[in-house]
């Protein structure tokens, strides 16, 4: 008998949203204090973009679409 994956998926989504929220808060803090195109700001921007890609892959696994 297979188990309903609802709770596992729910936990994964909550974890992903929490991670994205933390990254966004860090990015906004860095953006407010760093000069334009500083190494730290570029790094933070790339981290946020990577998380967007990872979340996109989790939401739309290979072979599926929106």
PDB file of N, CA and C in Angstrom:
ATOM      1  N   UNK A   1       0.844  -1.180   0.000  1.00  0.00           N
ATOM      2  CA  UNK A   1       0.000   0.000   0.000  1.00  0.00           C
ATOM      3  C   UNK A   1       0.892   1.248   0.000  1.00  0.00           C
ATOM      4  N   UNK A   2       0.671   2.154  -0.928  1.00  0.00           N
ATOM      5  CA  UNK A   2       1.484   3.360  -0.993  1.00  0.00           C
ATOM      6  C   UNK A   2       0.961   4.413  -0.026  1.00  0.00           C
ATOM      7  N   UNK A   3       1.876   5.248   0.435  1.00  0.00           N
ATOM      8  CA  UNK A   3       1.509   6.294   1.372  1.00  0.00           C
ATOM      9  C   UNK A   3       1.210   7.579   0.623  1.00  0.00           C
ATOM     10  N   UNK A   4       0.292   8.348   1.174  1.00  0.00           N
ATOM     11  CA  UNK A   4      -0.045   9.644   0.613  1.00  0.00           C
ATOM     12  C   UNK A   4       1.145  10.588   0.852  1.00  0.00           C
ATOM     13  N   UNK A   5       1.703  11.185  -0.203  1.00  0.00           N
ATOM     14  CA  UNK A   5       2.883  12.030  -0.045  1.00  0.00           C
ATOM     15  C   UNK A   5       2.566  13.459   0.416  1.00  0.00           C
ATOM     16  N   UNK A   6       1.319  13.739   0.731  1.00  0.00           N
ATOM     17  CA  UNK A   6       0.898  15.104   1.060  1.00  0.00           C
ATOM     18  C   UNK A   6       1.795  15.754   2.113  1.00  0.00           C
ATOM     19  N   UNK A   7       1.986  15.083   3.245  1.00  0.00           N
ATOM     20  CA  UNK A   7       2.740  15.690   4.345  1.00  0.00           C
ATOM     21  C   UNK A   7       4.218  15.868   3.999  1.00  0.00           C
ATOM     22  N   UNK A   8       4.787  14.935   3.274  1.00  0.00           N
ATOM     23  CA  UNK A   8       6.189  15.072   2.860  1.00  0.00           C
ATOM     24  C   UNK A   8       6.346  16.258   1.914  1.00  0.00           C
ATOM     25  N   UNK A   9       5.435  16.394   0.981  1.00  0.00           N
ATOM     26  CA  UNK A   9       5.477  17.511   0.033  1.00  0.00           C
ATOM     27  C   UNK A   9       5.229  18.821   0.770  1.00  0.00           C
ATOM     28  N   UNK A  10       4.299  18.821   1.691  1.00  0.00           N
ATOM     29  CA  UNK A  10       4.006  20.015   2.474  1.00  0.00           C
ATOM     30  C   UNK A  10       5.255  20.474   3.242  1.00  0.00           C
ATOM     31  N   UNK A  11       5.957  19.552   3.884  1.00  0.00           N
ATOM     32  CA  UNK A  11       7.182  19.895   4.620  1.00  0.00           C
ATOM     33  C   UNK A  11       8.250  20.447   3.679  1.00  0.00           C
ATOM     34  N   UNK A  12       8.401  19.824   2.514  1.00  0.00           N
ATOM     35  CA  UNK A  12       9.400  20.282   1.556  1.00  0.00           C
ATOM     36  C   UNK A  12       9.087  21.695   1.072  1.00  0.00           C
ATOM     37  N   UNK A  13       7.837  21.955   0.796  1.00  0.00           N
ATOM     38  CA  UNK A  13       7.437  23.296   0.346  1.00  0.00           C
ATOM     39  C   UNK A  13       7.657  24.317   1.451  1.00  0.00           C
ATOM     40  N   UNK A  14       7.284  23.983   2.677  1.00  0.00           N
ATOM     41  CA  UNK A  14       7.483  24.907   3.789  1.00  0.00           C
ATOM     42  C   UNK A  14       8.970  25.205   4.001  1.00  0.00           C
ATOM     43  N   UNK A  15       9.795  24.185   3.905  1.00  0.00           N
ATOM     44  CA  UNK A  15      11.238  24.370   4.047  1.00  0.00           C
ATOM     45  C   UNK A  15      11.775  25.253   2.932  1.00  0.00           C
ATOM     46  N   UNK A  16      11.337  25.014   1.710  1.00  0.00           N
ATOM     47  CA  UNK A  16      11.785  25.809   0.572  1.00  0.00           C
ATOM     48  C   UNK A  16      11.357  27.262   0.704  1.00  0.00           C
ATOM     49  N   UNK A  17      10.131  27.479   1.141  1.00  0.00           N
ATOM     50  CA  UNK A  17       9.648  28.849   1.317  1.00  0.00           C
ATOM     51  C   UNK A  17      10.407  29.563   2.428  1.00  0.00           C
ATOM     52  N   UNK A  18      10.717  28.856   3.497  1.00  0.00           N
ATOM     53  CA  UNK A  18      11.479  29.446   4.591  1.00  0.00           C
ATOM     54  C   UNK A  18      12.886  29.814   4.113  1.00  0.00           C
ATOM     55  N   UNK A  19      13.513  28.922   3.353  1.00  0.00           N
ATOM     56  CA  UNK A  19      14.842  29.199   2.808  1.00  0.00           C
ATOM     57  C   UNK A  19      14.799  30.410   1.887  1.00  0.00           C
ATOM     58  N   UNK A  20      13.809  30.468   1.020  1.00  0.00           N
ATOM     59  CA  UNK A  20      13.679  31.598   0.095  1.00  0.00           C
ATOM     60  C   UNK A  20      13.453  32.896   0.861  1.00  0.00           C
ATOM     61  N   UNK A  21      12.652  32.844   1.895  1.00  0.00           N
ATOM     62  CA  UNK A  21      12.391  34.038   2.707  1.00  0.00           C
ATOM     63  C   UNK A  21      13.661  34.519   3.403  1.00  0.00           C
ATOM     64  N   UNK A  22      14.445  33.591   3.930  1.00  0.00           N
ATOM     65  CA  UNK A  22      15.704  33.941   4.587  1.00  0.00           C
ATOM     66  C   UNK A  22      16.678  34.550   3.596  1.00  0.00           C
ATOM     67  N   UNK A  23      16.786  33.947   2.406  1.00  0.00           N
ATOM     68  CA  UNK A  23      17.668  34.489   1.372  1.00  0.00           C
ATOM     69  C   UNK A  23      17.231  35.890   0.943  1.00  0.00           C
ATOM     70  N   UNK A  24      15.942  36.082   0.802  1.00  0.00           N
ATOM     71  CA  UNK A  24      15.420  37.389   0.395  1.00  0.00           C
ATOM     72  C   UNK A  24      15.737  38.442   1.453  1.00  0.00           C
ATOM     73  N   UNK A  25      15.536  38.100   2.719  1.00  0.00           N
ATOM     74  CA  UNK A  25      15.838  39.036   3.797  1.00  0.00           C
ATOM     75  C   UNK A  25      17.318  39.392   3.806  1.00  0.00           C
ATOM     76  N   UNK A  26      18.180  38.398   3.603  1.00  0.00           N
ATOM     77  CA  UNK A  26      19.618  38.651   3.547  1.00  0.00           C
ATOM     78  C   UNK A  26      19.959  39.546   2.366  1.00  0.00           C
ATOM     79  N   UNK A  27      19.365  39.250   1.221  1.00  0.00           N
ATOM     80  CA  UNK A  27      19.622  40.049   0.028  1.00  0.00           C
ATOM     81  C   UNK A  27      19.204  41.503   0.248  1.00  0.00           C
ATOM     82  N   UNK A  28      18.022  41.709   0.824  1.00  0.00           N
ATOM     83  CA  UNK A  28      17.546  43.077   1.057  1.00  0.00           C
ATOM     84  C   UNK A  28      18.455  43.816   2.038  1.00  0.00           C
ATOM     85  N   UNK A  29      18.937  43.118   3.068  1.00  0.00           N
ATOM     86  CA  UNK A  29      19.854  43.735   4.024  1.00  0.00           C
ATOM     87  C   UNK A  29      21.157  44.116   3.327  1.00  0.00           C
ATOM     88  N   UNK A  30      21.690  43.202   2.540  1.00  0.00           N
ATOM     89  CA  UNK A  30      22.948  43.470   1.836  1.00  0.00           C
ATOM     90  C   UNK A  30      22.755  44.605   0.836  1.00  0.00           C
ATOM     91  N   UNK A  31      21.644  44.580   0.119  1.00  0.00           N
ATOM     92  CA  UNK A  31      21.384  45.610  -0.887  1.00  0.00           C
ATOM     93  C   UNK A  31      21.282  46.995  -0.260  1.00  0.00           C
ATOM     94  N   UNK A  32      20.743  47.050   0.966  1.00  0.00           N
ATOM     95  CA  UNK A  32      20.582  48.353   1.608  1.00  0.00           C
ATOM     96  C   UNK A  32      21.897  48.902   2.162  1.00  0.00           C
ATOM     97  N   UNK A  33      22.897  48.044   2.359  1.00  0.00           N
ATOM     98  CA  UNK A  33      24.143  48.503   2.947  1.00  0.00           C
ATOM     99  C   UNK A  33      25.337  48.460   1.994  1.00  0.00           C
ATOM    100  N   UNK A  34      25.281  47.649   0.959  1.00  0.00           N
ATOM    101  CA  UNK A  34      26.428  47.492   0.052  1.00  0.00           C
ATOM    102  C   UNK A  34      26.349  48.498  -1.087  1.00  0.00           C
ATOM    103  N   UNK A  35      27.517  48.827  -1.603  1.00  0.00           N
ATOM    104  CA  UNK A  35      27.533  49.703  -2.780  1.00  0.00           C
ATOM    105  C   UNK A  35      27.149  48.867  -4.007  1.00  0.00           C
ATOM    106  N   UNK A  36      26.690  49.541  -5.040  1.00  0.00           N
ATOM    107  CA  UNK A  36      26.250  48.845  -6.261  1.00  0.00           C
ATOM    108  C   UNK A  36      27.340  47.933  -6.791  1.00  0.00           C
ATOM    109  N   UNK A  37      26.933  46.734  -7.152  1.00  0.00           N
ATOM    110  CA  UNK A  37      27.795  45.726  -7.768  1.00  0.00           C
ATOM    111  C   UNK A  37      28.987  45.316  -6.897  1.00  0.00           C
ATOM    112  N   UNK A  38      28.845  45.477  -5.574  1.00  0.00           N
ATOM    113  CA  UNK A  38      29.897  44.957  -4.699  1.00  0.00           C
ATOM    114  C   UNK A  38      29.884  43.435  -4.781  1.00  0.00           C
ATOM    115  N   UNK A  39      30.994  42.837  -4.414  1.00  0.00           N
ATOM    116  CA  UNK A  39      31.101  41.378  -4.488  1.00  0.00           C
ATOM    117  C   UNK A  39      30.014  40.697  -3.653  1.00  0.00           C
ATOM    118  N   UNK A  40      29.758  41.244  -2.468  1.00  0.00           N
ATOM    119  CA  UNK A  40      28.746  40.655  -1.589  1.00  0.00           C
ATOM    120  C   UNK A  40      27.354  40.755  -2.200  1.00  0.00           C
ATOM    121  N   UNK A  41      27.042  41.887  -2.808  1.00  0.00           N
ATOM    122  CA  UNK A  41      25.731  42.073  -3.425  1.00  0.00           C
ATOM    123  C   UNK A  41      25.563  41.155  -4.632  1.00  0.00           C
ATOM    124  N   UNK A  42      26.578  41.033  -5.451  1.00  0.00           N
ATOM    125  CA  UNK A  42      26.510  40.138  -6.614  1.00  0.00           C
ATOM    126  C   UNK A  42      26.319  38.699  -6.146  1.00  0.00           C
ATOM    127  N   UNK A  43      27.066  38.298  -5.118  1.00  0.00           N
ATOM    128  CA  UNK A  43      26.943  36.944  -4.577  1.00  0.00           C
ATOM    129  C   UNK A  43      25.526  36.701  -4.059  1.00  0.00           C
ATOM    130  N   UNK A  44      24.981  37.648  -3.297  1.00  0.00           N
ATOM    131  CA  UNK A  44      23.633  37.496  -2.741  1.00  0.00           C
ATOM    132  C   UNK A  44      22.590  37.408  -3.853  1.00  0.00           C
ATOM    133  N   UNK A  45      22.737  38.239  -4.869  1.00  0.00           N
ATOM    134  CA  UNK A  45      21.799  38.209  -5.997  1.00  0.00           C
ATOM    135  C   UNK A  45      21.839  36.849  -6.696  1.00  0.00           C
ATOM    136  N   UNK A  46      23.032  36.309  -6.871  1.00  0.00           N
ATOM    137  CA  UNK A  46      23.160  34.992  -7.501  1.00  0.00           C
ATOM    138  C   UNK A  46      22.556  33.890  -6.639  1.00  0.00           C
ATOM    139  N   UNK A  47      22.712  33.987  -5.331  1.00  0.00           N
ATOM    140  CA  UNK A  47      22.120  33.001  -4.430  1.00  0.00           C
ATOM    141  C   UNK A  47      20.596  33.013  -4.538  1.00  0.00           C
ATOM    142  N   UNK A  48      20.006  34.191  -4.591  1.00  0.00           N
ATOM    143  CA  UNK A  48      18.549  34.302  -4.725  1.00  0.00           C
ATOM    144  C   UNK A  48      18.112  33.704  -6.053  1.00  0.00           C
ATOM    145  N   UNK A  49      18.837  33.993  -7.114  1.00  0.00           N
ATOM    146  CA  UNK A  49      18.489  33.432  -8.429  1.00  0.00           C
ATOM    147  C   UNK A  49      18.611  31.913  -8.432  1.00  0.00           C
ATOM    148  N   UNK A  50      19.655  31.379  -7.791  1.00  0.00           N
ATOM    149  CA  UNK A  50      19.827  29.926  -7.725  1.00  0.00           C
ATOM    150  C   UNK A  50      18.654  29.285  -6.980  1.00  0.00           C
ATOM    151  N   UNK A  51      18.223  29.904  -5.901  1.00  0.00           N
ATOM    152  CA  UNK A  51      17.096  29.358  -5.145  1.00  0.00           C
ATOM    153  C   UNK A  51      15.833  29.387  -6.003  1.00  0.00           C
ATOM    154  N   UNK A  52      15.652  30.445  -6.794  1.00  0.00           N
ATOM    155  CA  UNK A  52      14.510  30.497  -7.712  1.00  0.00           C
ATOM    156  C   UNK A  52      14.547  29.320  -8.679  1.00  0.00           C
ATOM    157  N   UNK A  53      15.722  29.023  -9.209  1.00  0.00           N
ATOM    158  CA  UNK A  53      15.869  27.904 -10.144  1.00  0.00           C
ATOM    159  C   UNK A  53      15.563  26.594  -9.439  1.00  0.00           C
ATOM    160  N   UNK A  54      16.106  26.423  -8.244  1.00  0.00           N
ATOM    161  CA  UNK A  54      15.883  25.185  -7.494  1.00  0.00           C
ATOM    162  C   UNK A  54      14.408  25.021  -7.164  1.00  0.00           C
ATOM    163  N   UNK A  55      13.765  26.088  -6.720  1.00  0.00           N
ATOM    164  CA  UNK A  55      12.335  26.009  -6.427  1.00  0.00           C
ATOM    165  C   UNK A  55      11.551  25.684  -7.689  1.00  0.00           C
ATOM    166  N   UNK A  56      11.953  26.260  -8.811  1.00  0.00           N
ATOM    167  CA  UNK A  56      11.286  25.969 -10.073  1.00  0.00           C
ATOM    168  C   UNK A  56      11.412  24.505 -10.454  1.00  0.00           C
ATOM    169  N   UNK A  57      12.584  23.937 -10.214  1.00  0.00           N
ATOM    170  CA  UNK A  57      12.781  22.518 -10.531  1.00  0.00           C
ATOM    171  C   UNK A  57      11.948  21.633  -9.616  1.00  0.00           C
ATOM    172  N   UNK A  58      11.763  22.038  -8.379  1.00  0.00           N
ATOM    173  CA  UNK A  58      10.948  21.262  -7.452  1.00  0.00           C
ATOM    174  C   UNK A  58       9.472  21.359  -7.817  1.00  0.00           C
ATOM    175  N   UNK A  59       9.065  22.538  -8.265  1.00  0.00           N
ATOM    176  CA  UNK A  59       7.655  22.720  -8.608  1.00  0.00           C
ATOM    177  C   UNK A  59       7.331  22.052  -9.937  1.00  0.00           C
ATOM    178  N   UNK A  60       8.223  22.189 -10.913  1.00  0.00           N
ATOM    179  CA  UNK A  60       7.997  21.642 -12.239  1.00  0.00           C
ATOM    180  C   UNK A  60       9.125  20.658 -12.581  1.00  0.00           C
ATOM    181  N   UNK A  61       9.061  19.451 -12.080  1.00  0.00           N
ATOM    182  CA  UNK A  61      10.117  18.473 -12.388  1.00  0.00           C
ATOM    183  C   UNK A  61      10.270  18.255 -13.890  1.00  0.00           C
ATOM    184  N   UNK A  62      11.405  17.729 -14.275  1.00  0.00           N
ATOM    185  CA  UNK A  62      11.708  17.485 -15.671  1.00  0.00           C
ATOM    186  C   UNK A  62      10.556  16.748 -16.353  1.00  0.00           C
ATOM    187  N   UNK A  63      10.202  17.207 -17.526  1.00  0.00           N
ATOM    188  CA  UNK A  63       9.159  16.539 -18.298  1.00  0.00           C
ATOM    189  C   UNK A  63       7.764  17.077 -18.004  1.00  0.00           C
ATOM    190  N   UNK A  64       7.649  18.062 -17.117  1.00  0.00           N
ATOM    191  CA  UNK A  64       6.334  18.643 -16.831  1.00  0.00           C
ATOM    192  C   UNK A  64       6.398  20.131 -17.155  1.00  0.00           C
ATOM    193  N   UNK A  65       5.264  20.762 -17.191  1.00  0.00           N
ATOM    194  CA  UNK A  65       5.239  22.195 -17.469  1.00  0.00           C
ATOM    195  C   UNK A  65       4.202  22.873 -16.582  1.00  0.00           C
ATOM    196  N   UNK A  66       4.220  24.178 -16.618  1.00  0.00           N
ATOM    197  CA  UNK A  66       3.309  24.973 -15.782  1.00  0.00           C
ATOM    198  C   UNK A  66       1.873  24.791 -16.203  1.00  0.00           C
TER     199      UNK A  66
END
